[in-house]
Every structure is written in structure tokens, then in C-alpha cells.
Amino acid sequence: MTIDEARRAVNDLCKEMVATEKRLTTLRRLLAGYLELFPDLVAKDPDLSGESARPKGQEAVLRVLMDSPRTWFTVAGVVKELAQRGWSPSSDDPENPVRTSLTRVEAGNPDIRKGQDKDSGAVAYGYWPQVGADGKRRLVDVGARAAKQTGSRTLSEEPPF
């Protein structure tokens, strides 16, 4: 196997993993909807609650970042996304455990990047796979408006901080 073949294989696996994670997220949301409509289902079969499959801590924040490659998320943005997925940490101040998990994930994964915006001072994290489809990084700027609305931003280059 050549380095180019290995690069393509790794890229294909990364794409497949992200697609699988997105599908799993969709299935979890559908399941949560059914359980909300039919709460008796949980009592009959506790495994339907999804609690055993619910990611927590580092796994949860890593999934959020990996579901949106090359997108910057503030801590508040990750907290918001976790809440939308029903994965919020059990805490009066969910930003603290999320911040801790993000710090640990970033320290242990070379594909996770951390930066700080020069203007706002906000710390942001993002998933930047080492290898793109063609072996190069391609990033698209969607602008600051999206960052203000969602707590995340896709940038055209390395972080501007």
C-alpha cells in the first residue's frame, strides 16, 4: 500500500464514520420523539430510553465536533448542541463540564483544534481532519453572522486567533 492509498483509505473511513454518526444522531432524535409521544414505551422496555447509548462527557463533545468538520464551536455553542440532542450534562452550570471535556478532547486528539478570537476573546474548538478528500484542506467562510446566531463558525483558513 502506498501513502496515497493509505490517505484515501483513512479519508474514506473518516467520511463513513461522520456519516454513521449523523445517521445515529438522527435515529436518536426520532427515538426521542416517539418516546415523547408514547412515554409508556419506556416503562415496557427500559432499553428504548436510549440512556445506555447516550454519550457523555468527552464522547459527547467529540461527536458534536465531528458531526460538523471544519466548524468552530464556542463552549456555549457546544452546550446548545448537546441540549438539542438531549445530551446535556447533569449540572447547574453545564458550561463547566463541557469546557473540561473540550479541553481534554483537544489535548488527546490532534484533529481537534482550539483557538481564541482576538475581538471577542471567545475560545472556540473545531474538528479538522488531518486529511481532506484530495489530501488538502478546503475551508469555506460562512461569516460572523452565523457565529453569532449558532455559536459556531466555519472559517476560510486556520483560526484567525
N, C-alpha and C. Protein backbone atom coordinates (compact mmCIF):
# COMPACT_ATOMS: atom_id res chain seq x y z
N MET A 1 0.85 -1.18 0.00
CA MET A 1 0.00 0.00 0.00
C MET A 1 0.90 1.24 0.00
N THR A 2 0.53 2.18 -0.84
CA THR A 2 1.30 3.43 -0.90
C THR A 2 0.70 4.43 0.08
N ILE A 3 1.42 5.52 0.30
CA ILE A 3 0.93 6.56 1.21
C ILE A 3 -0.35 7.19 0.67
N ASP A 4 -0.46 7.34 -0.67
CA ASP A 4 -1.67 7.90 -1.26
C ASP A 4 -2.87 6.97 -1.06
N GLU A 5 -2.65 5.66 -1.20
CA GLU A 5 -3.72 4.70 -0.96
C GLU A 5 -4.16 4.73 0.51
N ALA A 6 -3.18 4.82 1.41
CA ALA A 6 -3.49 4.89 2.84
C ALA A 6 -4.25 6.17 3.14
N ARG A 7 -3.84 7.27 2.53
CA ARG A 7 -4.51 8.55 2.74
C ARG A 7 -5.97 8.47 2.28
N ARG A 8 -6.20 7.86 1.11
CA ARG A 8 -7.57 7.70 0.61
C ARG A 8 -8.39 6.80 1.54
N ALA A 9 -7.77 5.72 2.00
CA ALA A 9 -8.48 4.79 2.90
C ALA A 9 -8.87 5.50 4.19
N VAL A 10 -7.95 6.25 4.77
CA VAL A 10 -8.24 6.98 6.01
C VAL A 10 -9.33 8.01 5.77
N ASN A 11 -9.25 8.71 4.65
CA ASN A 11 -10.26 9.71 4.33
C ASN A 11 -11.63 9.06 4.16
N ASP A 12 -11.69 7.94 3.45
CA ASP A 12 -12.96 7.23 3.26
C ASP A 12 -13.53 6.77 4.60
N LEU A 13 -12.68 6.25 5.47
CA LEU A 13 -13.13 5.81 6.79
C LEU A 13 -13.65 6.98 7.62
N CYS A 14 -12.97 8.12 7.55
CA CYS A 14 -13.43 9.31 8.28
C CYS A 14 -14.79 9.76 7.78
N LYS A 15 -14.96 9.77 6.45
CA LYS A 15 -16.25 10.17 5.88
C LYS A 15 -17.35 9.20 6.32
N GLU A 16 -17.05 7.91 6.28
CA GLU A 16 -18.02 6.91 6.68
C GLU A 16 -18.38 7.05 8.16
N MET A 17 -17.38 7.34 8.99
CA MET A 17 -17.62 7.49 10.42
C MET A 17 -18.52 8.71 10.68
N VAL A 18 -18.24 9.83 10.02
CA VAL A 18 -19.04 11.03 10.21
C VAL A 18 -20.47 10.78 9.74
N ALA A 19 -20.63 10.12 8.57
CA ALA A 19 -21.97 9.82 8.06
C ALA A 19 -22.72 8.90 9.02
N THR A 20 -22.03 7.92 9.58
CA THR A 20 -22.66 6.99 10.52
C THR A 20 -23.08 7.73 11.78
N GLU A 21 -22.23 8.62 12.27
CA GLU A 21 -22.56 9.40 13.47
C GLU A 21 -23.79 10.28 13.22
N LYS A 22 -23.87 10.88 12.02
CA LYS A 22 -25.02 11.71 11.69
C LYS A 22 -26.29 10.87 11.64
N ARG A 23 -26.20 9.70 11.05
CA ARG A 23 -27.36 8.79 10.99
C ARG A 23 -27.79 8.39 12.40
N LEU A 24 -26.80 8.06 13.23
CA LEU A 24 -27.10 7.67 14.60
C LEU A 24 -27.77 8.82 15.36
N THR A 25 -27.30 10.03 15.15
CA THR A 25 -27.90 11.20 15.78
C THR A 25 -29.35 11.35 15.34
N THR A 26 -29.60 11.17 14.05
CA THR A 26 -30.96 11.25 13.51
C THR A 26 -31.85 10.18 14.13
N LEU A 27 -31.35 8.97 14.22
CA LEU A 27 -32.12 7.88 14.81
C LEU A 27 -32.43 8.16 16.28
N ARG A 28 -31.47 8.73 17.00
CA ARG A 28 -31.70 9.05 18.41
C ARG A 28 -32.79 10.12 18.55
N ARG A 29 -32.76 11.10 17.65
CA ARG A 29 -33.78 12.15 17.70
C ARG A 29 -35.16 11.58 17.40
N LEU A 30 -35.23 10.69 16.40
CA LEU A 30 -36.51 10.03 16.10
C LEU A 30 -37.00 9.23 17.29
N LEU A 31 -36.11 8.48 17.90
CA LEU A 31 -36.46 7.68 19.07
C LEU A 31 -36.98 8.58 20.19
N ALA A 32 -36.29 9.69 20.42
CA ALA A 32 -36.72 10.62 21.47
C ALA A 32 -38.11 11.16 21.17
N GLY A 33 -38.41 11.42 19.90
CA GLY A 33 -39.74 11.90 19.53
C GLY A 33 -40.82 10.88 19.82
N TYR A 34 -40.54 9.62 19.45
CA TYR A 34 -41.51 8.56 19.74
C TYR A 34 -41.71 8.40 21.25
N LEU A 35 -40.62 8.47 22.00
CA LEU A 35 -40.74 8.31 23.45
C LEU A 35 -41.48 9.47 24.09
N GLU A 36 -41.37 10.65 23.47
CA GLU A 36 -42.13 11.79 23.99
C GLU A 36 -43.62 11.61 23.70
N LEU A 37 -43.94 11.09 22.51
CA LEU A 37 -45.33 10.86 22.15
C LEU A 37 -45.96 9.69 22.91
N PHE A 38 -45.13 8.67 23.17
CA PHE A 38 -45.61 7.45 23.82
C PHE A 38 -44.73 7.11 25.03
N PRO A 39 -44.87 7.85 26.12
CA PRO A 39 -44.00 7.64 27.29
C PRO A 39 -44.12 6.25 27.91
N ASP A 40 -45.22 5.56 27.67
CA ASP A 40 -45.39 4.21 28.21
C ASP A 40 -44.38 3.23 27.61
N LEU A 41 -43.84 3.54 26.45
CA LEU A 41 -42.86 2.64 25.83
C LEU A 41 -41.64 2.46 26.72
N VAL A 42 -41.25 3.49 27.43
CA VAL A 42 -40.08 3.41 28.30
C VAL A 42 -40.34 2.42 29.43
N ALA A 43 -41.53 2.47 30.00
CA ALA A 43 -41.85 1.58 31.12
C ALA A 43 -41.87 0.12 30.67
N LYS A 44 -42.34 -0.15 29.46
CA LYS A 44 -42.40 -1.52 28.97
C LYS A 44 -41.04 -2.06 28.59
N ASP A 45 -40.20 -1.21 28.03
CA ASP A 45 -38.87 -1.64 27.60
C ASP A 45 -37.86 -0.53 27.91
N PRO A 46 -37.22 -0.58 29.09
CA PRO A 46 -36.31 0.50 29.51
C PRO A 46 -35.17 0.75 28.54
N ASP A 47 -34.79 -0.25 27.72
CA ASP A 47 -33.70 -0.05 26.77
C ASP A 47 -34.06 0.93 25.67
N LEU A 48 -35.36 1.20 25.47
CA LEU A 48 -35.78 2.14 24.45
C LEU A 48 -35.46 3.59 24.83
N SER A 49 -35.15 3.83 26.07
CA SER A 49 -34.89 5.20 26.52
C SER A 49 -33.65 5.79 25.87
N GLY A 50 -32.74 4.94 25.42
CA GLY A 50 -31.52 5.43 24.80
C GLY A 50 -30.48 5.87 25.80
N GLU A 51 -30.77 5.77 27.10
CA GLU A 51 -29.83 6.22 28.12
C GLU A 51 -28.51 5.46 28.06
N SER A 52 -28.59 4.16 27.78
CA SER A 52 -27.35 3.38 27.74
C SER A 52 -26.48 3.80 26.57
N ALA A 53 -27.12 4.30 25.50
CA ALA A 53 -26.36 4.71 24.32
C ALA A 53 -26.05 6.21 24.33
N ARG A 54 -26.58 6.92 25.30
CA ARG A 54 -26.39 8.37 25.37
C ARG A 54 -24.94 8.68 25.69
N PRO A 55 -24.25 9.39 24.77
CA PRO A 55 -22.86 9.73 25.06
C PRO A 55 -22.77 10.79 26.16
N LYS A 56 -21.68 10.75 26.88
CA LYS A 56 -21.47 11.70 27.97
C LYS A 56 -20.05 12.24 27.90
N GLY A 57 -19.86 13.38 28.51
CA GLY A 57 -18.53 13.96 28.65
C GLY A 57 -17.78 14.10 27.34
N GLN A 58 -16.56 13.57 27.33
CA GLN A 58 -15.68 13.71 26.18
C GLN A 58 -16.27 13.10 24.91
N GLU A 59 -16.92 11.95 25.06
CA GLU A 59 -17.52 11.30 23.89
C GLU A 59 -18.59 12.19 23.26
N ALA A 60 -19.41 12.81 24.09
CA ALA A 60 -20.49 13.67 23.59
C ALA A 60 -19.94 14.89 22.86
N VAL A 61 -18.97 15.58 23.46
CA VAL A 61 -18.45 16.79 22.80
C VAL A 61 -17.68 16.42 21.53
N LEU A 62 -17.00 15.28 21.54
CA LEU A 62 -16.29 14.85 20.34
C LEU A 62 -17.27 14.57 19.21
N ARG A 63 -18.40 13.96 19.52
CA ARG A 63 -19.42 13.70 18.48
C ARG A 63 -19.94 14.99 17.90
N VAL A 64 -20.19 15.98 18.75
CA VAL A 64 -20.68 17.27 18.26
C VAL A 64 -19.66 17.88 17.30
N LEU A 65 -18.41 17.89 17.68
CA LEU A 65 -17.38 18.48 16.83
C LEU A 65 -17.22 17.70 15.53
N MET A 66 -17.23 16.37 15.62
CA MET A 66 -17.01 15.54 14.44
C MET A 66 -18.20 15.57 13.48
N ASP A 67 -19.39 15.87 13.98
CA ASP A 67 -20.56 15.96 13.11
C ASP A 67 -20.51 17.20 12.22
N SER A 68 -19.67 18.16 12.56
CA SER A 68 -19.54 19.39 11.77
C SER A 68 -18.07 19.69 11.54
N PRO A 69 -17.42 18.91 10.67
CA PRO A 69 -15.99 19.14 10.44
C PRO A 69 -15.73 20.57 9.96
N ARG A 70 -14.60 21.09 10.37
CA ARG A 70 -14.12 22.41 9.96
C ARG A 70 -15.07 23.54 10.38
N THR A 71 -15.74 23.32 11.50
CA THR A 71 -16.65 24.33 12.06
C THR A 71 -16.19 24.65 13.47
N TRP A 72 -16.12 25.93 13.78
CA TRP A 72 -15.72 26.37 15.11
C TRP A 72 -16.93 26.44 16.02
N PHE A 73 -16.78 25.91 17.23
CA PHE A 73 -17.84 25.98 18.24
C PHE A 73 -17.27 26.62 19.49
N THR A 74 -18.01 27.60 20.01
CA THR A 74 -17.69 28.12 21.33
C THR A 74 -18.19 27.09 22.35
N VAL A 75 -17.81 27.26 23.60
CA VAL A 75 -18.31 26.37 24.65
C VAL A 75 -19.84 26.47 24.69
N ALA A 76 -20.37 27.69 24.62
CA ALA A 76 -21.82 27.88 24.62
C ALA A 76 -22.47 27.19 23.42
N GLY A 77 -21.81 27.20 22.28
CA GLY A 77 -22.33 26.54 21.09
C GLY A 77 -22.41 25.03 21.26
N VAL A 78 -21.41 24.44 21.91
CA VAL A 78 -21.42 23.00 22.18
C VAL A 78 -22.52 22.68 23.19
N VAL A 79 -22.66 23.51 24.22
CA VAL A 79 -23.72 23.30 25.23
C VAL A 79 -25.09 23.31 24.54
N LYS A 80 -25.29 24.26 23.65
CA LYS A 80 -26.56 24.37 22.92
C LYS A 80 -26.81 23.12 22.08
N GLU A 81 -25.78 22.66 21.37
CA GLU A 81 -25.92 21.46 20.52
C GLU A 81 -26.19 20.22 21.37
N LEU A 82 -25.51 20.09 22.50
CA LEU A 82 -25.76 18.96 23.39
C LEU A 82 -27.20 18.97 23.88
N ALA A 83 -27.70 20.14 24.22
CA ALA A 83 -29.09 20.25 24.69
C ALA A 83 -30.07 19.84 23.59
N GLN A 84 -29.80 20.26 22.35
CA GLN A 84 -30.67 19.90 21.24
C GLN A 84 -30.70 18.39 21.00
N ARG A 85 -29.60 17.72 21.30
CA ARG A 85 -29.52 16.28 21.11
C ARG A 85 -30.00 15.49 22.34
N GLY A 86 -30.31 16.21 23.41
CA GLY A 86 -30.74 15.55 24.63
C GLY A 86 -29.58 14.97 25.41
N TRP A 87 -28.39 15.53 25.23
CA TRP A 87 -27.17 15.02 25.86
C TRP A 87 -26.61 15.98 26.90
N SER A 88 -27.38 16.92 27.38
CA SER A 88 -26.87 17.92 28.32
C SER A 88 -26.29 17.25 29.57
N PRO A 89 -25.18 17.78 30.06
CA PRO A 89 -24.63 17.24 31.31
C PRO A 89 -25.54 17.59 32.49
N SER A 90 -25.52 16.74 33.48
CA SER A 90 -26.31 16.99 34.69
C SER A 90 -25.53 17.97 35.57
N SER A 91 -25.82 19.24 35.40
CA SER A 91 -25.09 20.27 36.13
C SER A 91 -25.90 21.55 36.14
N ASP A 92 -25.77 22.32 37.22
CA ASP A 92 -26.43 23.61 37.28
C ASP A 92 -25.78 24.59 36.31
N ASP A 93 -24.52 24.39 36.01
CA ASP A 93 -23.79 25.22 35.05
C ASP A 93 -23.13 24.30 34.02
N PRO A 94 -23.87 23.89 32.97
CA PRO A 94 -23.35 22.90 32.02
C PRO A 94 -22.10 23.34 31.27
N GLU A 95 -21.83 24.65 31.23
CA GLU A 95 -20.62 25.09 30.52
C GLU A 95 -19.34 24.58 31.19
N ASN A 96 -19.35 24.43 32.51
CA ASN A 96 -18.13 23.96 33.19
C ASN A 96 -17.73 22.54 32.79
N PRO A 97 -18.62 21.53 32.90
CA PRO A 97 -18.20 20.20 32.47
C PRO A 97 -17.93 20.11 30.97
N VAL A 98 -18.66 20.89 30.16
CA VAL A 98 -18.41 20.88 28.71
C VAL A 98 -17.04 21.47 28.42
N ARG A 99 -16.69 22.56 29.09
CA ARG A 99 -15.36 23.17 28.91
C ARG A 99 -14.26 22.19 29.29
N THR A 100 -14.44 21.48 30.38
CA THR A 100 -13.46 20.48 30.82
C THR A 100 -13.33 19.37 29.79
N SER A 101 -14.46 18.87 29.29
CA SER A 101 -14.43 17.80 28.29
C SER A 101 -13.77 18.27 27.00
N LEU A 102 -14.06 19.50 26.57
CA LEU A 102 -13.44 20.03 25.36
C LEU A 102 -11.92 20.14 25.53
N THR A 103 -11.49 20.61 26.68
CA THR A 103 -10.05 20.73 26.94
C THR A 103 -9.37 19.37 26.88
N ARG A 104 -9.99 18.36 27.46
CA ARG A 104 -9.40 17.02 27.46
C ARG A 104 -9.40 16.40 26.07
N VAL A 105 -10.49 16.60 25.33
CA VAL A 105 -10.56 16.06 23.96
C VAL A 105 -9.50 16.72 23.09
N GLU A 106 -9.35 18.02 23.22
CA GLU A 106 -8.37 18.75 22.41
C GLU A 106 -6.95 18.30 22.74
N ALA A 107 -6.69 18.02 24.01
CA ALA A 107 -5.35 17.60 24.42
C ALA A 107 -5.01 16.20 23.91
N GLY A 108 -6.03 15.36 23.71
CA GLY A 108 -5.76 13.98 23.33
C GLY A 108 -6.04 13.65 21.88
N ASN A 109 -6.40 14.63 21.06
CA ASN A 109 -6.77 14.34 19.68
C ASN A 109 -6.17 15.41 18.76
N PRO A 110 -5.25 15.02 17.87
CA PRO A 110 -4.61 16.02 17.00
C PRO A 110 -5.55 16.63 15.98
N ASP A 111 -6.73 16.04 15.78
CA ASP A 111 -7.69 16.59 14.83
C ASP A 111 -8.57 17.68 15.45
N ILE A 112 -8.49 17.85 16.76
CA ILE A 112 -9.27 18.88 17.44
C ILE A 112 -8.38 20.10 17.65
N ARG A 113 -8.89 21.23 17.22
CA ARG A 113 -8.12 22.48 17.35
C ARG A 113 -8.83 23.44 18.29
N LYS A 114 -8.02 24.26 18.92
CA LYS A 114 -8.53 25.25 19.86
C LYS A 114 -7.94 26.61 19.51
N GLY A 115 -8.74 27.64 19.61
CA GLY A 115 -8.25 28.99 19.36
C GLY A 115 -9.05 29.99 20.16
N GLN A 116 -8.63 31.24 20.08
CA GLN A 116 -9.32 32.31 20.79
C GLN A 116 -9.48 33.48 19.84
N ASP A 117 -10.69 33.97 19.72
CA ASP A 117 -10.99 35.09 18.86
C ASP A 117 -10.35 36.35 19.44
N LYS A 118 -9.62 37.08 18.60
CA LYS A 118 -8.93 38.29 19.06
C LYS A 118 -9.90 39.39 19.48
N ASP A 119 -11.05 39.46 18.80
CA ASP A 119 -12.01 40.53 19.09
C ASP A 119 -12.84 40.24 20.34
N SER A 120 -13.47 39.07 20.38
CA SER A 120 -14.38 38.77 21.48
C SER A 120 -13.71 38.07 22.65
N GLY A 121 -12.57 37.43 22.38
CA GLY A 121 -11.89 36.67 23.43
C GLY A 121 -12.49 35.28 23.64
N ALA A 122 -13.51 34.95 22.85
CA ALA A 122 -14.17 33.65 23.00
C ALA A 122 -13.25 32.52 22.55
N VAL A 123 -13.21 31.47 23.35
CA VAL A 123 -12.45 30.27 22.99
C VAL A 123 -13.35 29.43 22.10
N ALA A 124 -12.76 28.86 21.05
CA ALA A 124 -13.53 28.02 20.12
C ALA A 124 -12.76 26.74 19.85
N TYR A 125 -13.51 25.68 19.57
CA TYR A 125 -12.94 24.38 19.27
C TYR A 125 -13.52 23.90 17.94
N GLY A 126 -12.73 23.13 17.20
CA GLY A 126 -13.22 22.58 15.95
C GLY A 126 -12.52 21.28 15.60
N TYR A 127 -13.18 20.51 14.74
CA TYR A 127 -12.63 19.25 14.26
C TYR A 127 -12.10 19.47 12.85
N TRP A 128 -10.79 19.33 12.71
CA TRP A 128 -10.12 19.46 11.44
C TRP A 128 -9.42 18.14 11.13
N PRO A 129 -10.07 17.27 10.32
CA PRO A 129 -9.41 16.01 9.99
C PRO A 129 -8.06 16.28 9.32
N GLN A 130 -7.09 15.45 9.61
CA GLN A 130 -5.75 15.64 9.07
C GLN A 130 -5.72 15.55 7.56
N VAL A 131 -6.61 14.76 6.97
CA VAL A 131 -6.57 14.53 5.53
C VAL A 131 -7.92 14.87 4.92
N GLY A 132 -7.93 15.72 3.89
CA GLY A 132 -9.15 16.02 3.16
C GLY A 132 -9.34 15.05 2.02
N ALA A 133 -10.40 15.22 1.26
CA ALA A 133 -10.72 14.31 0.16
C ALA A 133 -9.58 14.24 -0.86
N ASP A 134 -8.95 15.38 -1.12
CA ASP A 134 -7.86 15.41 -2.09
C ASP A 134 -6.50 15.56 -1.40
N GLY A 135 -6.46 15.33 -0.10
CA GLY A 135 -5.21 15.47 0.64
C GLY A 135 -4.93 16.89 1.08
N LYS A 136 -5.82 17.84 0.73
CA LYS A 136 -5.63 19.24 1.08
C LYS A 136 -6.80 19.70 1.93
N ARG A 137 -6.57 20.76 2.68
CA ARG A 137 -7.64 21.34 3.48
C ARG A 137 -8.43 22.33 2.62
N ARG A 138 -9.75 22.22 2.67
CA ARG A 138 -10.62 23.17 1.98
C ARG A 138 -11.62 23.69 2.98
N LEU A 139 -11.56 24.96 3.26
CA LEU A 139 -12.43 25.56 4.26
C LEU A 139 -13.21 26.71 3.62
N VAL A 140 -14.42 26.89 4.05
CA VAL A 140 -15.27 27.92 3.49
C VAL A 140 -15.75 28.84 4.60
N ASP A 141 -15.64 30.15 4.39
CA ASP A 141 -16.07 31.12 5.39
C ASP A 141 -17.57 31.38 5.23
N VAL A 142 -18.34 31.12 6.29
CA VAL A 142 -19.76 31.43 6.24
C VAL A 142 -20.07 32.70 7.01
N GLY A 143 -19.06 33.32 7.55
CA GLY A 143 -19.23 34.64 8.13
C GLY A 143 -19.56 34.70 9.61
N ALA A 144 -19.38 35.90 10.15
CA ALA A 144 -19.55 36.13 11.57
C ALA A 144 -21.02 36.06 11.98
N ARG A 145 -21.95 36.35 11.05
CA ARG A 145 -23.36 36.32 11.40
C ARG A 145 -23.76 34.93 11.89
N ALA A 146 -23.31 33.89 11.21
CA ALA A 146 -23.62 32.52 11.63
C ALA A 146 -23.03 32.24 13.01
N ALA A 147 -21.85 32.78 13.27
CA ALA A 147 -21.21 32.56 14.57
C ALA A 147 -22.05 33.16 15.69
N LYS A 148 -22.60 34.35 15.45
CA LYS A 148 -23.42 34.99 16.47
C LYS A 148 -24.74 34.25 16.68
N GLN A 149 -25.29 33.68 15.59
CA GLN A 149 -26.58 33.01 15.69
C GLN A 149 -26.46 31.62 16.30
N THR A 150 -25.39 30.88 15.95
CA THR A 150 -25.32 29.47 16.34
C THR A 150 -24.24 29.15 17.35
N GLY A 151 -23.32 30.07 17.57
CA GLY A 151 -22.20 29.76 18.46
C GLY A 151 -21.12 28.99 17.75
N SER A 152 -21.24 28.85 16.42
CA SER A 152 -20.22 28.15 15.65
C SER A 152 -19.92 28.95 14.39
N ARG A 153 -18.79 28.64 13.77
CA ARG A 153 -18.39 29.35 12.57
C ARG A 153 -17.46 28.47 11.76
N THR A 154 -17.68 28.44 10.45
CA THR A 154 -16.77 27.78 9.55
C THR A 154 -15.85 28.84 8.99
N LEU A 155 -14.56 28.61 9.07
CA LEU A 155 -13.59 29.63 8.69
C LEU A 155 -12.86 29.27 7.41
N SER A 156 -12.36 30.28 6.71
CA SER A 156 -11.72 30.06 5.42
C SER A 156 -10.28 29.57 5.55
N GLU A 157 -9.67 29.79 6.65
CA GLU A 157 -8.28 29.39 6.86
C GLU A 157 -8.13 28.84 8.28
N GLU A 158 -6.89 28.75 8.72
CA GLU A 158 -6.64 28.40 10.11
C GLU A 158 -7.35 29.44 10.98
N PRO A 159 -7.58 29.17 12.23
CA PRO A 159 -8.32 30.12 13.06
C PRO A 159 -7.67 31.51 13.03
N PRO A 160 -8.48 32.55 12.93
CA PRO A 160 -7.95 33.90 12.88
C PRO A 160 -7.61 34.43 14.26
N PHE A 161 -7.19 33.54 15.16
CA PHE A 161 -6.84 33.96 16.51
C PHE A 161 -5.48 33.44 16.87
